[in-house]
């Protein structure tokens, strides 16, 4: 799916620290924990709790965030719709990675089991 250059630029420049509190609120509102949130973020990006806190403190944008990340080899198994886009059809790699993160957080908030979110066979 084609995203506009303006949309991709906005996503790239958005800071992880500006989005993270919304992730926390979303999962806690549905009875999940920050620890579970960190677990799915770590599965997707390789960042542990301390690194997540450092990235928040540094106010890194998503471009820098995903340059530093070690994306899980099973990330491509994350499919479906998020924010009106079919993830597997997003043509911009960075935007797709951000939507992977949005999707796993969404799945966590919806009560999906961690094993399913982390695409374990």
N, C-alpha and C. Protein backbone atom coordinates (compact mmCIF):
# COMPACT_ATOMS: atom_id res chain seq x y z
N UNK A 1 0.84 -1.17 0.00
CA UNK A 1 0.00 0.00 0.00
C UNK A 1 0.89 1.24 0.00
N UNK A 2 0.54 2.16 -0.81
CA UNK A 2 1.31 3.39 -0.92
C UNK A 2 0.98 4.33 0.24
N UNK A 3 2.03 4.77 0.88
CA UNK A 3 1.88 5.84 1.87
C UNK A 3 2.49 7.07 1.23
N UNK A 4 2.04 8.23 1.65
CA UNK A 4 2.56 9.46 1.04
C UNK A 4 3.92 9.79 1.65
N UNK A 5 4.76 10.49 0.89
CA UNK A 5 6.05 10.92 1.44
C UNK A 5 5.89 11.76 2.71
N UNK A 6 4.84 12.56 2.77
CA UNK A 6 4.59 13.39 3.94
C UNK A 6 4.28 12.51 5.16
N UNK A 7 3.46 11.48 4.93
CA UNK A 7 3.11 10.55 6.01
C UNK A 7 4.37 9.83 6.51
N UNK A 8 5.19 9.35 5.60
CA UNK A 8 6.42 8.64 5.98
C UNK A 8 7.38 9.55 6.73
N UNK A 9 7.48 10.81 6.30
CA UNK A 9 8.35 11.78 6.98
C UNK A 9 7.85 12.04 8.39
N UNK A 10 6.54 12.21 8.54
CA UNK A 10 5.95 12.46 9.85
C UNK A 10 6.22 11.30 10.80
N UNK A 11 6.06 10.07 10.30
CA UNK A 11 6.31 8.86 11.10
C UNK A 11 7.79 8.81 11.51
N UNK A 12 8.69 9.04 10.57
CA UNK A 12 10.12 8.97 10.84
C UNK A 12 10.56 9.97 11.89
N UNK A 13 9.95 11.16 11.89
CA UNK A 13 10.34 12.23 12.81
C UNK A 13 9.65 12.15 14.16
N UNK A 14 8.61 11.34 14.26
CA UNK A 14 7.88 11.20 15.53
C UNK A 14 8.80 10.54 16.55
N UNK A 15 8.79 11.03 17.78
CA UNK A 15 9.66 10.45 18.80
C UNK A 15 8.98 9.27 19.48
N UNK A 16 9.80 8.27 19.80
CA UNK A 16 9.30 7.12 20.54
C UNK A 16 8.74 7.56 21.88
N UNK A 17 9.41 8.54 22.51
CA UNK A 17 8.97 9.01 23.83
C UNK A 17 7.59 9.66 23.79
N UNK A 18 7.18 10.19 22.64
CA UNK A 18 5.86 10.81 22.54
C UNK A 18 4.76 9.76 22.38
N UNK A 19 5.11 8.58 21.89
CA UNK A 19 4.13 7.53 21.64
C UNK A 19 4.07 6.53 22.80
N UNK A 20 5.20 6.30 23.44
CA UNK A 20 5.29 5.30 24.50
C UNK A 20 4.22 5.44 25.60
N UNK A 21 3.96 6.66 26.13
CA UNK A 21 2.92 6.77 27.16
C UNK A 21 1.54 6.30 26.67
N UNK A 22 1.26 6.49 25.39
CA UNK A 22 -0.01 6.03 24.83
C UNK A 22 -0.06 4.50 24.78
N UNK A 23 1.08 3.89 24.49
CA UNK A 23 1.15 2.42 24.53
C UNK A 23 0.85 1.92 25.95
N UNK A 24 1.49 2.56 26.94
CA UNK A 24 1.29 2.16 28.34
C UNK A 24 -0.17 2.30 28.72
N UNK A 25 -0.76 3.44 28.43
CA UNK A 25 -2.17 3.69 28.75
C UNK A 25 -3.07 2.66 28.09
N UNK A 26 -2.80 2.39 26.83
CA UNK A 26 -3.64 1.46 26.06
C UNK A 26 -3.61 0.06 26.68
N UNK A 27 -2.44 -0.45 27.01
CA UNK A 27 -2.36 -1.81 27.54
C UNK A 27 -2.87 -1.89 28.98
N UNK A 28 -2.55 -0.88 29.79
CA UNK A 28 -3.01 -0.90 31.19
C UNK A 28 -4.53 -0.77 31.29
N UNK A 29 -5.12 0.01 30.40
CA UNK A 29 -6.57 0.18 30.39
C UNK A 29 -7.28 -1.16 30.14
N UNK A 30 -6.58 -2.05 29.44
CA UNK A 30 -7.16 -3.36 29.12
C UNK A 30 -6.66 -4.46 30.05
N UNK A 31 -6.00 -4.06 31.16
CA UNK A 31 -5.61 -5.04 32.17
C UNK A 31 -4.27 -5.73 31.92
N UNK A 32 -3.49 -5.22 30.98
CA UNK A 32 -2.16 -5.78 30.74
C UNK A 32 -1.13 -4.93 31.49
N UNK A 33 0.10 -5.42 31.57
CA UNK A 33 1.12 -4.74 32.37
C UNK A 33 2.20 -4.09 31.50
N UNK A 34 2.91 -3.16 32.12
CA UNK A 34 4.05 -2.52 31.46
C UNK A 34 5.12 -3.57 31.17
N UNK A 35 5.25 -4.55 32.06
CA UNK A 35 6.23 -5.62 31.85
C UNK A 35 5.90 -6.41 30.58
N UNK A 36 4.62 -6.68 30.37
CA UNK A 36 4.22 -7.38 29.14
C UNK A 36 4.48 -6.51 27.91
N UNK A 37 4.23 -5.21 28.04
CA UNK A 37 4.51 -4.27 26.96
C UNK A 37 6.00 -4.31 26.62
N UNK A 38 6.85 -4.26 27.65
CA UNK A 38 8.29 -4.31 27.42
C UNK A 38 8.70 -5.64 26.78
N UNK A 39 8.02 -6.71 27.16
CA UNK A 39 8.34 -8.02 26.59
C UNK A 39 8.07 -8.05 25.08
N UNK A 40 6.95 -7.49 24.64
CA UNK A 40 6.67 -7.50 23.19
C UNK A 40 7.56 -6.52 22.44
N UNK A 41 7.88 -5.38 23.07
CA UNK A 41 8.81 -4.43 22.44
C UNK A 41 10.18 -5.08 22.30
N UNK A 42 10.62 -5.78 23.36
CA UNK A 42 11.92 -6.45 23.29
C UNK A 42 11.92 -7.54 22.23
N UNK A 43 10.82 -8.29 22.14
CA UNK A 43 10.75 -9.35 21.12
C UNK A 43 10.90 -8.73 19.73
N UNK A 44 10.21 -7.62 19.47
CA UNK A 44 10.24 -7.02 18.14
C UNK A 44 11.56 -6.32 17.85
N UNK A 45 12.12 -5.59 18.83
CA UNK A 45 13.24 -4.69 18.56
C UNK A 45 14.58 -5.12 19.15
N UNK A 46 14.53 -6.00 20.15
CA UNK A 46 15.75 -6.38 20.85
C UNK A 46 16.10 -5.46 22.01
N UNK A 47 15.32 -4.39 22.23
CA UNK A 47 15.60 -3.45 23.31
C UNK A 47 15.05 -3.97 24.64
N UNK A 48 15.92 -4.04 25.66
CA UNK A 48 15.45 -4.43 26.99
C UNK A 48 14.90 -3.20 27.71
N UNK A 49 14.41 -3.42 28.94
CA UNK A 49 13.77 -2.34 29.70
C UNK A 49 14.69 -1.13 29.84
N UNK A 50 15.95 -1.36 30.19
CA UNK A 50 16.89 -0.24 30.37
C UNK A 50 17.09 0.52 29.06
N UNK A 51 17.24 -0.20 27.95
CA UNK A 51 17.43 0.46 26.66
C UNK A 51 16.18 1.25 26.26
N UNK A 52 15.00 0.71 26.55
CA UNK A 52 13.75 1.43 26.26
C UNK A 52 13.74 2.75 27.03
N UNK A 53 14.11 2.70 28.31
CA UNK A 53 14.15 3.92 29.13
C UNK A 53 15.17 4.92 28.59
N UNK A 54 16.31 4.43 28.13
CA UNK A 54 17.33 5.32 27.55
C UNK A 54 16.82 5.98 26.27
N UNK A 55 16.14 5.20 25.42
CA UNK A 55 15.60 5.74 24.17
C UNK A 55 14.54 6.81 24.45
N UNK A 56 13.76 6.60 25.50
CA UNK A 56 12.75 7.59 25.90
C UNK A 56 13.46 8.85 26.38
N UNK A 57 14.46 8.68 27.23
CA UNK A 57 15.21 9.81 27.78
C UNK A 57 15.91 10.61 26.66
N UNK A 58 16.46 9.90 25.69
CA UNK A 58 17.16 10.55 24.57
C UNK A 58 16.21 11.21 23.58
N UNK A 59 14.91 10.87 23.68
CA UNK A 59 13.90 11.39 22.75
C UNK A 59 14.24 11.07 21.29
N UNK A 60 14.63 9.82 21.06
CA UNK A 60 14.96 9.41 19.69
C UNK A 60 13.69 9.35 18.84
N UNK A 61 13.85 9.71 17.57
CA UNK A 61 12.71 9.57 16.66
C UNK A 61 12.65 8.13 16.15
N UNK A 62 11.57 7.79 15.47
CA UNK A 62 11.40 6.41 15.02
C UNK A 62 12.46 6.00 14.00
N UNK A 63 12.96 6.94 13.23
CA UNK A 63 14.03 6.61 12.29
C UNK A 63 15.25 6.08 13.05
N UNK A 64 15.69 6.81 14.06
CA UNK A 64 16.83 6.40 14.88
C UNK A 64 16.50 5.14 15.68
N UNK A 65 15.30 5.08 16.21
CA UNK A 65 14.85 3.94 17.01
C UNK A 65 15.03 2.63 16.22
N UNK A 66 14.53 2.62 14.99
CA UNK A 66 14.62 1.38 14.21
C UNK A 66 15.98 1.17 13.56
N UNK A 67 16.79 2.22 13.43
CA UNK A 67 18.18 2.02 12.99
C UNK A 67 18.96 1.27 14.05
N UNK A 68 18.66 1.54 15.32
CA UNK A 68 19.35 0.88 16.42
C UNK A 68 18.78 -0.51 16.73
N UNK A 69 17.55 -0.74 16.35
CA UNK A 69 16.86 -2.00 16.69
C UNK A 69 17.44 -3.18 15.92
N UNK A 70 17.32 -4.35 16.54
CA UNK A 70 17.61 -5.62 15.87
C UNK A 70 16.26 -6.29 15.65
N UNK A 71 15.65 -5.98 14.51
CA UNK A 71 14.29 -6.45 14.25
C UNK A 71 14.22 -7.97 14.27
N UNK A 72 13.23 -8.49 14.97
CA UNK A 72 13.05 -9.93 15.07
C UNK A 72 12.85 -10.53 13.68
N UNK A 73 13.51 -11.66 13.37
CA UNK A 73 13.36 -12.27 12.05
C UNK A 73 11.93 -12.69 11.73
N UNK A 74 11.09 -12.85 12.76
CA UNK A 74 9.69 -13.23 12.53
C UNK A 74 8.76 -12.02 12.42
N UNK A 75 9.31 -10.83 12.42
CA UNK A 75 8.48 -9.62 12.35
C UNK A 75 7.62 -9.62 11.08
N UNK A 76 8.13 -10.20 10.02
CA UNK A 76 7.36 -10.22 8.76
C UNK A 76 6.05 -11.02 8.89
N UNK A 77 5.93 -11.80 9.96
CA UNK A 77 4.70 -12.57 10.19
C UNK A 77 3.59 -11.70 10.79
N UNK A 78 3.91 -10.46 11.14
CA UNK A 78 2.91 -9.53 11.67
C UNK A 78 2.13 -8.98 10.47
N UNK A 79 0.86 -9.32 10.44
CA UNK A 79 0.02 -8.91 9.32
C UNK A 79 -1.29 -8.34 9.85
N UNK A 80 -2.06 -7.79 8.95
CA UNK A 80 -3.37 -7.27 9.32
C UNK A 80 -3.45 -5.77 9.14
N UNK A 81 -4.55 -5.22 9.61
CA UNK A 81 -4.80 -3.80 9.46
C UNK A 81 -4.43 -3.05 10.73
N UNK A 82 -3.82 -1.89 10.55
CA UNK A 82 -3.56 -0.98 11.66
C UNK A 82 -3.58 0.45 11.10
N UNK A 83 -4.31 1.30 11.74
CA UNK A 83 -4.41 2.71 11.33
C UNK A 83 -4.84 2.85 9.87
N UNK A 84 -5.67 1.93 9.41
CA UNK A 84 -6.19 2.00 8.04
C UNK A 84 -5.26 1.45 6.97
N UNK A 85 -4.15 0.87 7.38
CA UNK A 85 -3.19 0.31 6.42
C UNK A 85 -3.05 -1.19 6.64
N UNK A 86 -2.95 -1.94 5.56
CA UNK A 86 -2.62 -3.36 5.65
C UNK A 86 -1.10 -3.42 5.77
N UNK A 87 -0.63 -3.90 6.91
CA UNK A 87 0.79 -3.85 7.26
C UNK A 87 1.68 -4.47 6.19
N UNK A 88 1.30 -5.65 5.72
CA UNK A 88 2.15 -6.36 4.77
C UNK A 88 2.23 -5.67 3.40
N UNK A 89 1.39 -4.66 3.16
CA UNK A 89 1.41 -3.95 1.88
C UNK A 89 2.05 -2.57 1.96
N UNK A 90 2.51 -2.17 3.13
CA UNK A 90 3.14 -0.85 3.28
C UNK A 90 4.50 -0.89 2.58
N UNK A 91 4.71 0.04 1.67
CA UNK A 91 5.92 0.01 0.84
C UNK A 91 7.13 0.69 1.48
N UNK A 92 6.94 1.55 2.46
CA UNK A 92 8.05 2.20 3.13
C UNK A 92 8.47 1.34 4.33
N UNK A 93 9.73 0.91 4.35
CA UNK A 93 10.19 -0.03 5.38
C UNK A 93 10.08 0.54 6.79
N UNK A 94 10.45 1.79 6.98
CA UNK A 94 10.38 2.38 8.31
C UNK A 94 8.92 2.47 8.78
N UNK A 95 8.06 2.96 7.94
CA UNK A 95 6.64 3.06 8.29
C UNK A 95 6.09 1.68 8.63
N UNK A 96 6.49 0.68 7.87
CA UNK A 96 6.04 -0.69 8.13
C UNK A 96 6.51 -1.17 9.51
N UNK A 97 7.76 -0.87 9.87
CA UNK A 97 8.28 -1.28 11.18
C UNK A 97 7.53 -0.59 12.32
N UNK A 98 7.22 0.68 12.15
CA UNK A 98 6.46 1.40 13.17
C UNK A 98 5.07 0.77 13.30
N UNK A 99 4.49 0.39 12.19
CA UNK A 99 3.16 -0.26 12.23
C UNK A 99 3.24 -1.66 12.83
N UNK A 100 4.37 -2.35 12.65
CA UNK A 100 4.57 -3.62 13.36
C UNK A 100 4.46 -3.39 14.86
N UNK A 101 5.15 -2.35 15.34
CA UNK A 101 5.13 -2.03 16.76
C UNK A 101 3.71 -1.68 17.21
N UNK A 102 3.04 -0.85 16.44
CA UNK A 102 1.65 -0.49 16.77
C UNK A 102 0.78 -1.74 16.86
N UNK A 103 0.97 -2.66 15.93
CA UNK A 103 0.14 -3.86 15.86
C UNK A 103 0.38 -4.78 17.06
N UNK A 104 1.63 -5.01 17.45
CA UNK A 104 1.87 -5.90 18.59
C UNK A 104 1.33 -5.28 19.89
N UNK A 105 1.42 -3.96 20.01
CA UNK A 105 0.86 -3.29 21.18
C UNK A 105 -0.66 -3.42 21.17
N UNK A 106 -1.25 -3.27 20.01
CA UNK A 106 -2.70 -3.42 19.85
C UNK A 106 -3.15 -4.84 20.21
N UNK A 107 -2.40 -5.82 19.74
CA UNK A 107 -2.73 -7.22 20.05
C UNK A 107 -2.62 -7.49 21.55
N UNK A 108 -1.62 -6.92 22.19
CA UNK A 108 -1.45 -7.07 23.63
C UNK A 108 -2.66 -6.49 24.35
N UNK A 109 -3.06 -5.29 23.96
CA UNK A 109 -4.20 -4.62 24.58
C UNK A 109 -5.50 -5.39 24.36
N UNK A 110 -5.59 -6.10 23.26
CA UNK A 110 -6.81 -6.86 22.97
C UNK A 110 -6.84 -8.22 23.65
N UNK A 111 -5.80 -8.50 24.46
CA UNK A 111 -5.81 -9.73 25.24
C UNK A 111 -5.20 -10.94 24.57
N UNK A 112 -4.54 -10.74 23.45
CA UNK A 112 -3.91 -11.87 22.77
C UNK A 112 -2.77 -12.43 23.62
N UNK A 113 -2.59 -13.73 23.59
CA UNK A 113 -1.52 -14.37 24.36
C UNK A 113 -0.16 -13.95 23.83
N UNK A 114 0.80 -13.82 24.75
CA UNK A 114 2.15 -13.39 24.37
C UNK A 114 2.77 -14.30 23.32
N UNK A 115 2.55 -15.61 23.44
CA UNK A 115 3.12 -16.56 22.47
C UNK A 115 2.61 -16.28 21.06
N UNK A 116 1.35 -15.89 20.96
CA UNK A 116 0.77 -15.56 19.65
C UNK A 116 1.32 -14.24 19.12
N UNK A 117 1.42 -13.26 20.02
CA UNK A 117 1.94 -11.95 19.62
C UNK A 117 3.37 -12.10 19.10
N UNK A 118 4.14 -12.94 19.78
CA UNK A 118 5.55 -13.10 19.43
C UNK A 118 5.76 -14.16 18.35
N UNK A 119 4.67 -14.52 17.72
CA UNK A 119 4.70 -15.41 16.54
C UNK A 119 5.53 -16.66 16.80
N UNK A 120 5.31 -17.28 17.97
CA UNK A 120 6.00 -18.54 18.27
C UNK A 120 5.17 -19.67 17.71
N UNK A 121 5.84 -20.60 17.05
CA UNK A 121 5.14 -21.73 16.43
C UNK A 121 4.63 -22.67 17.47
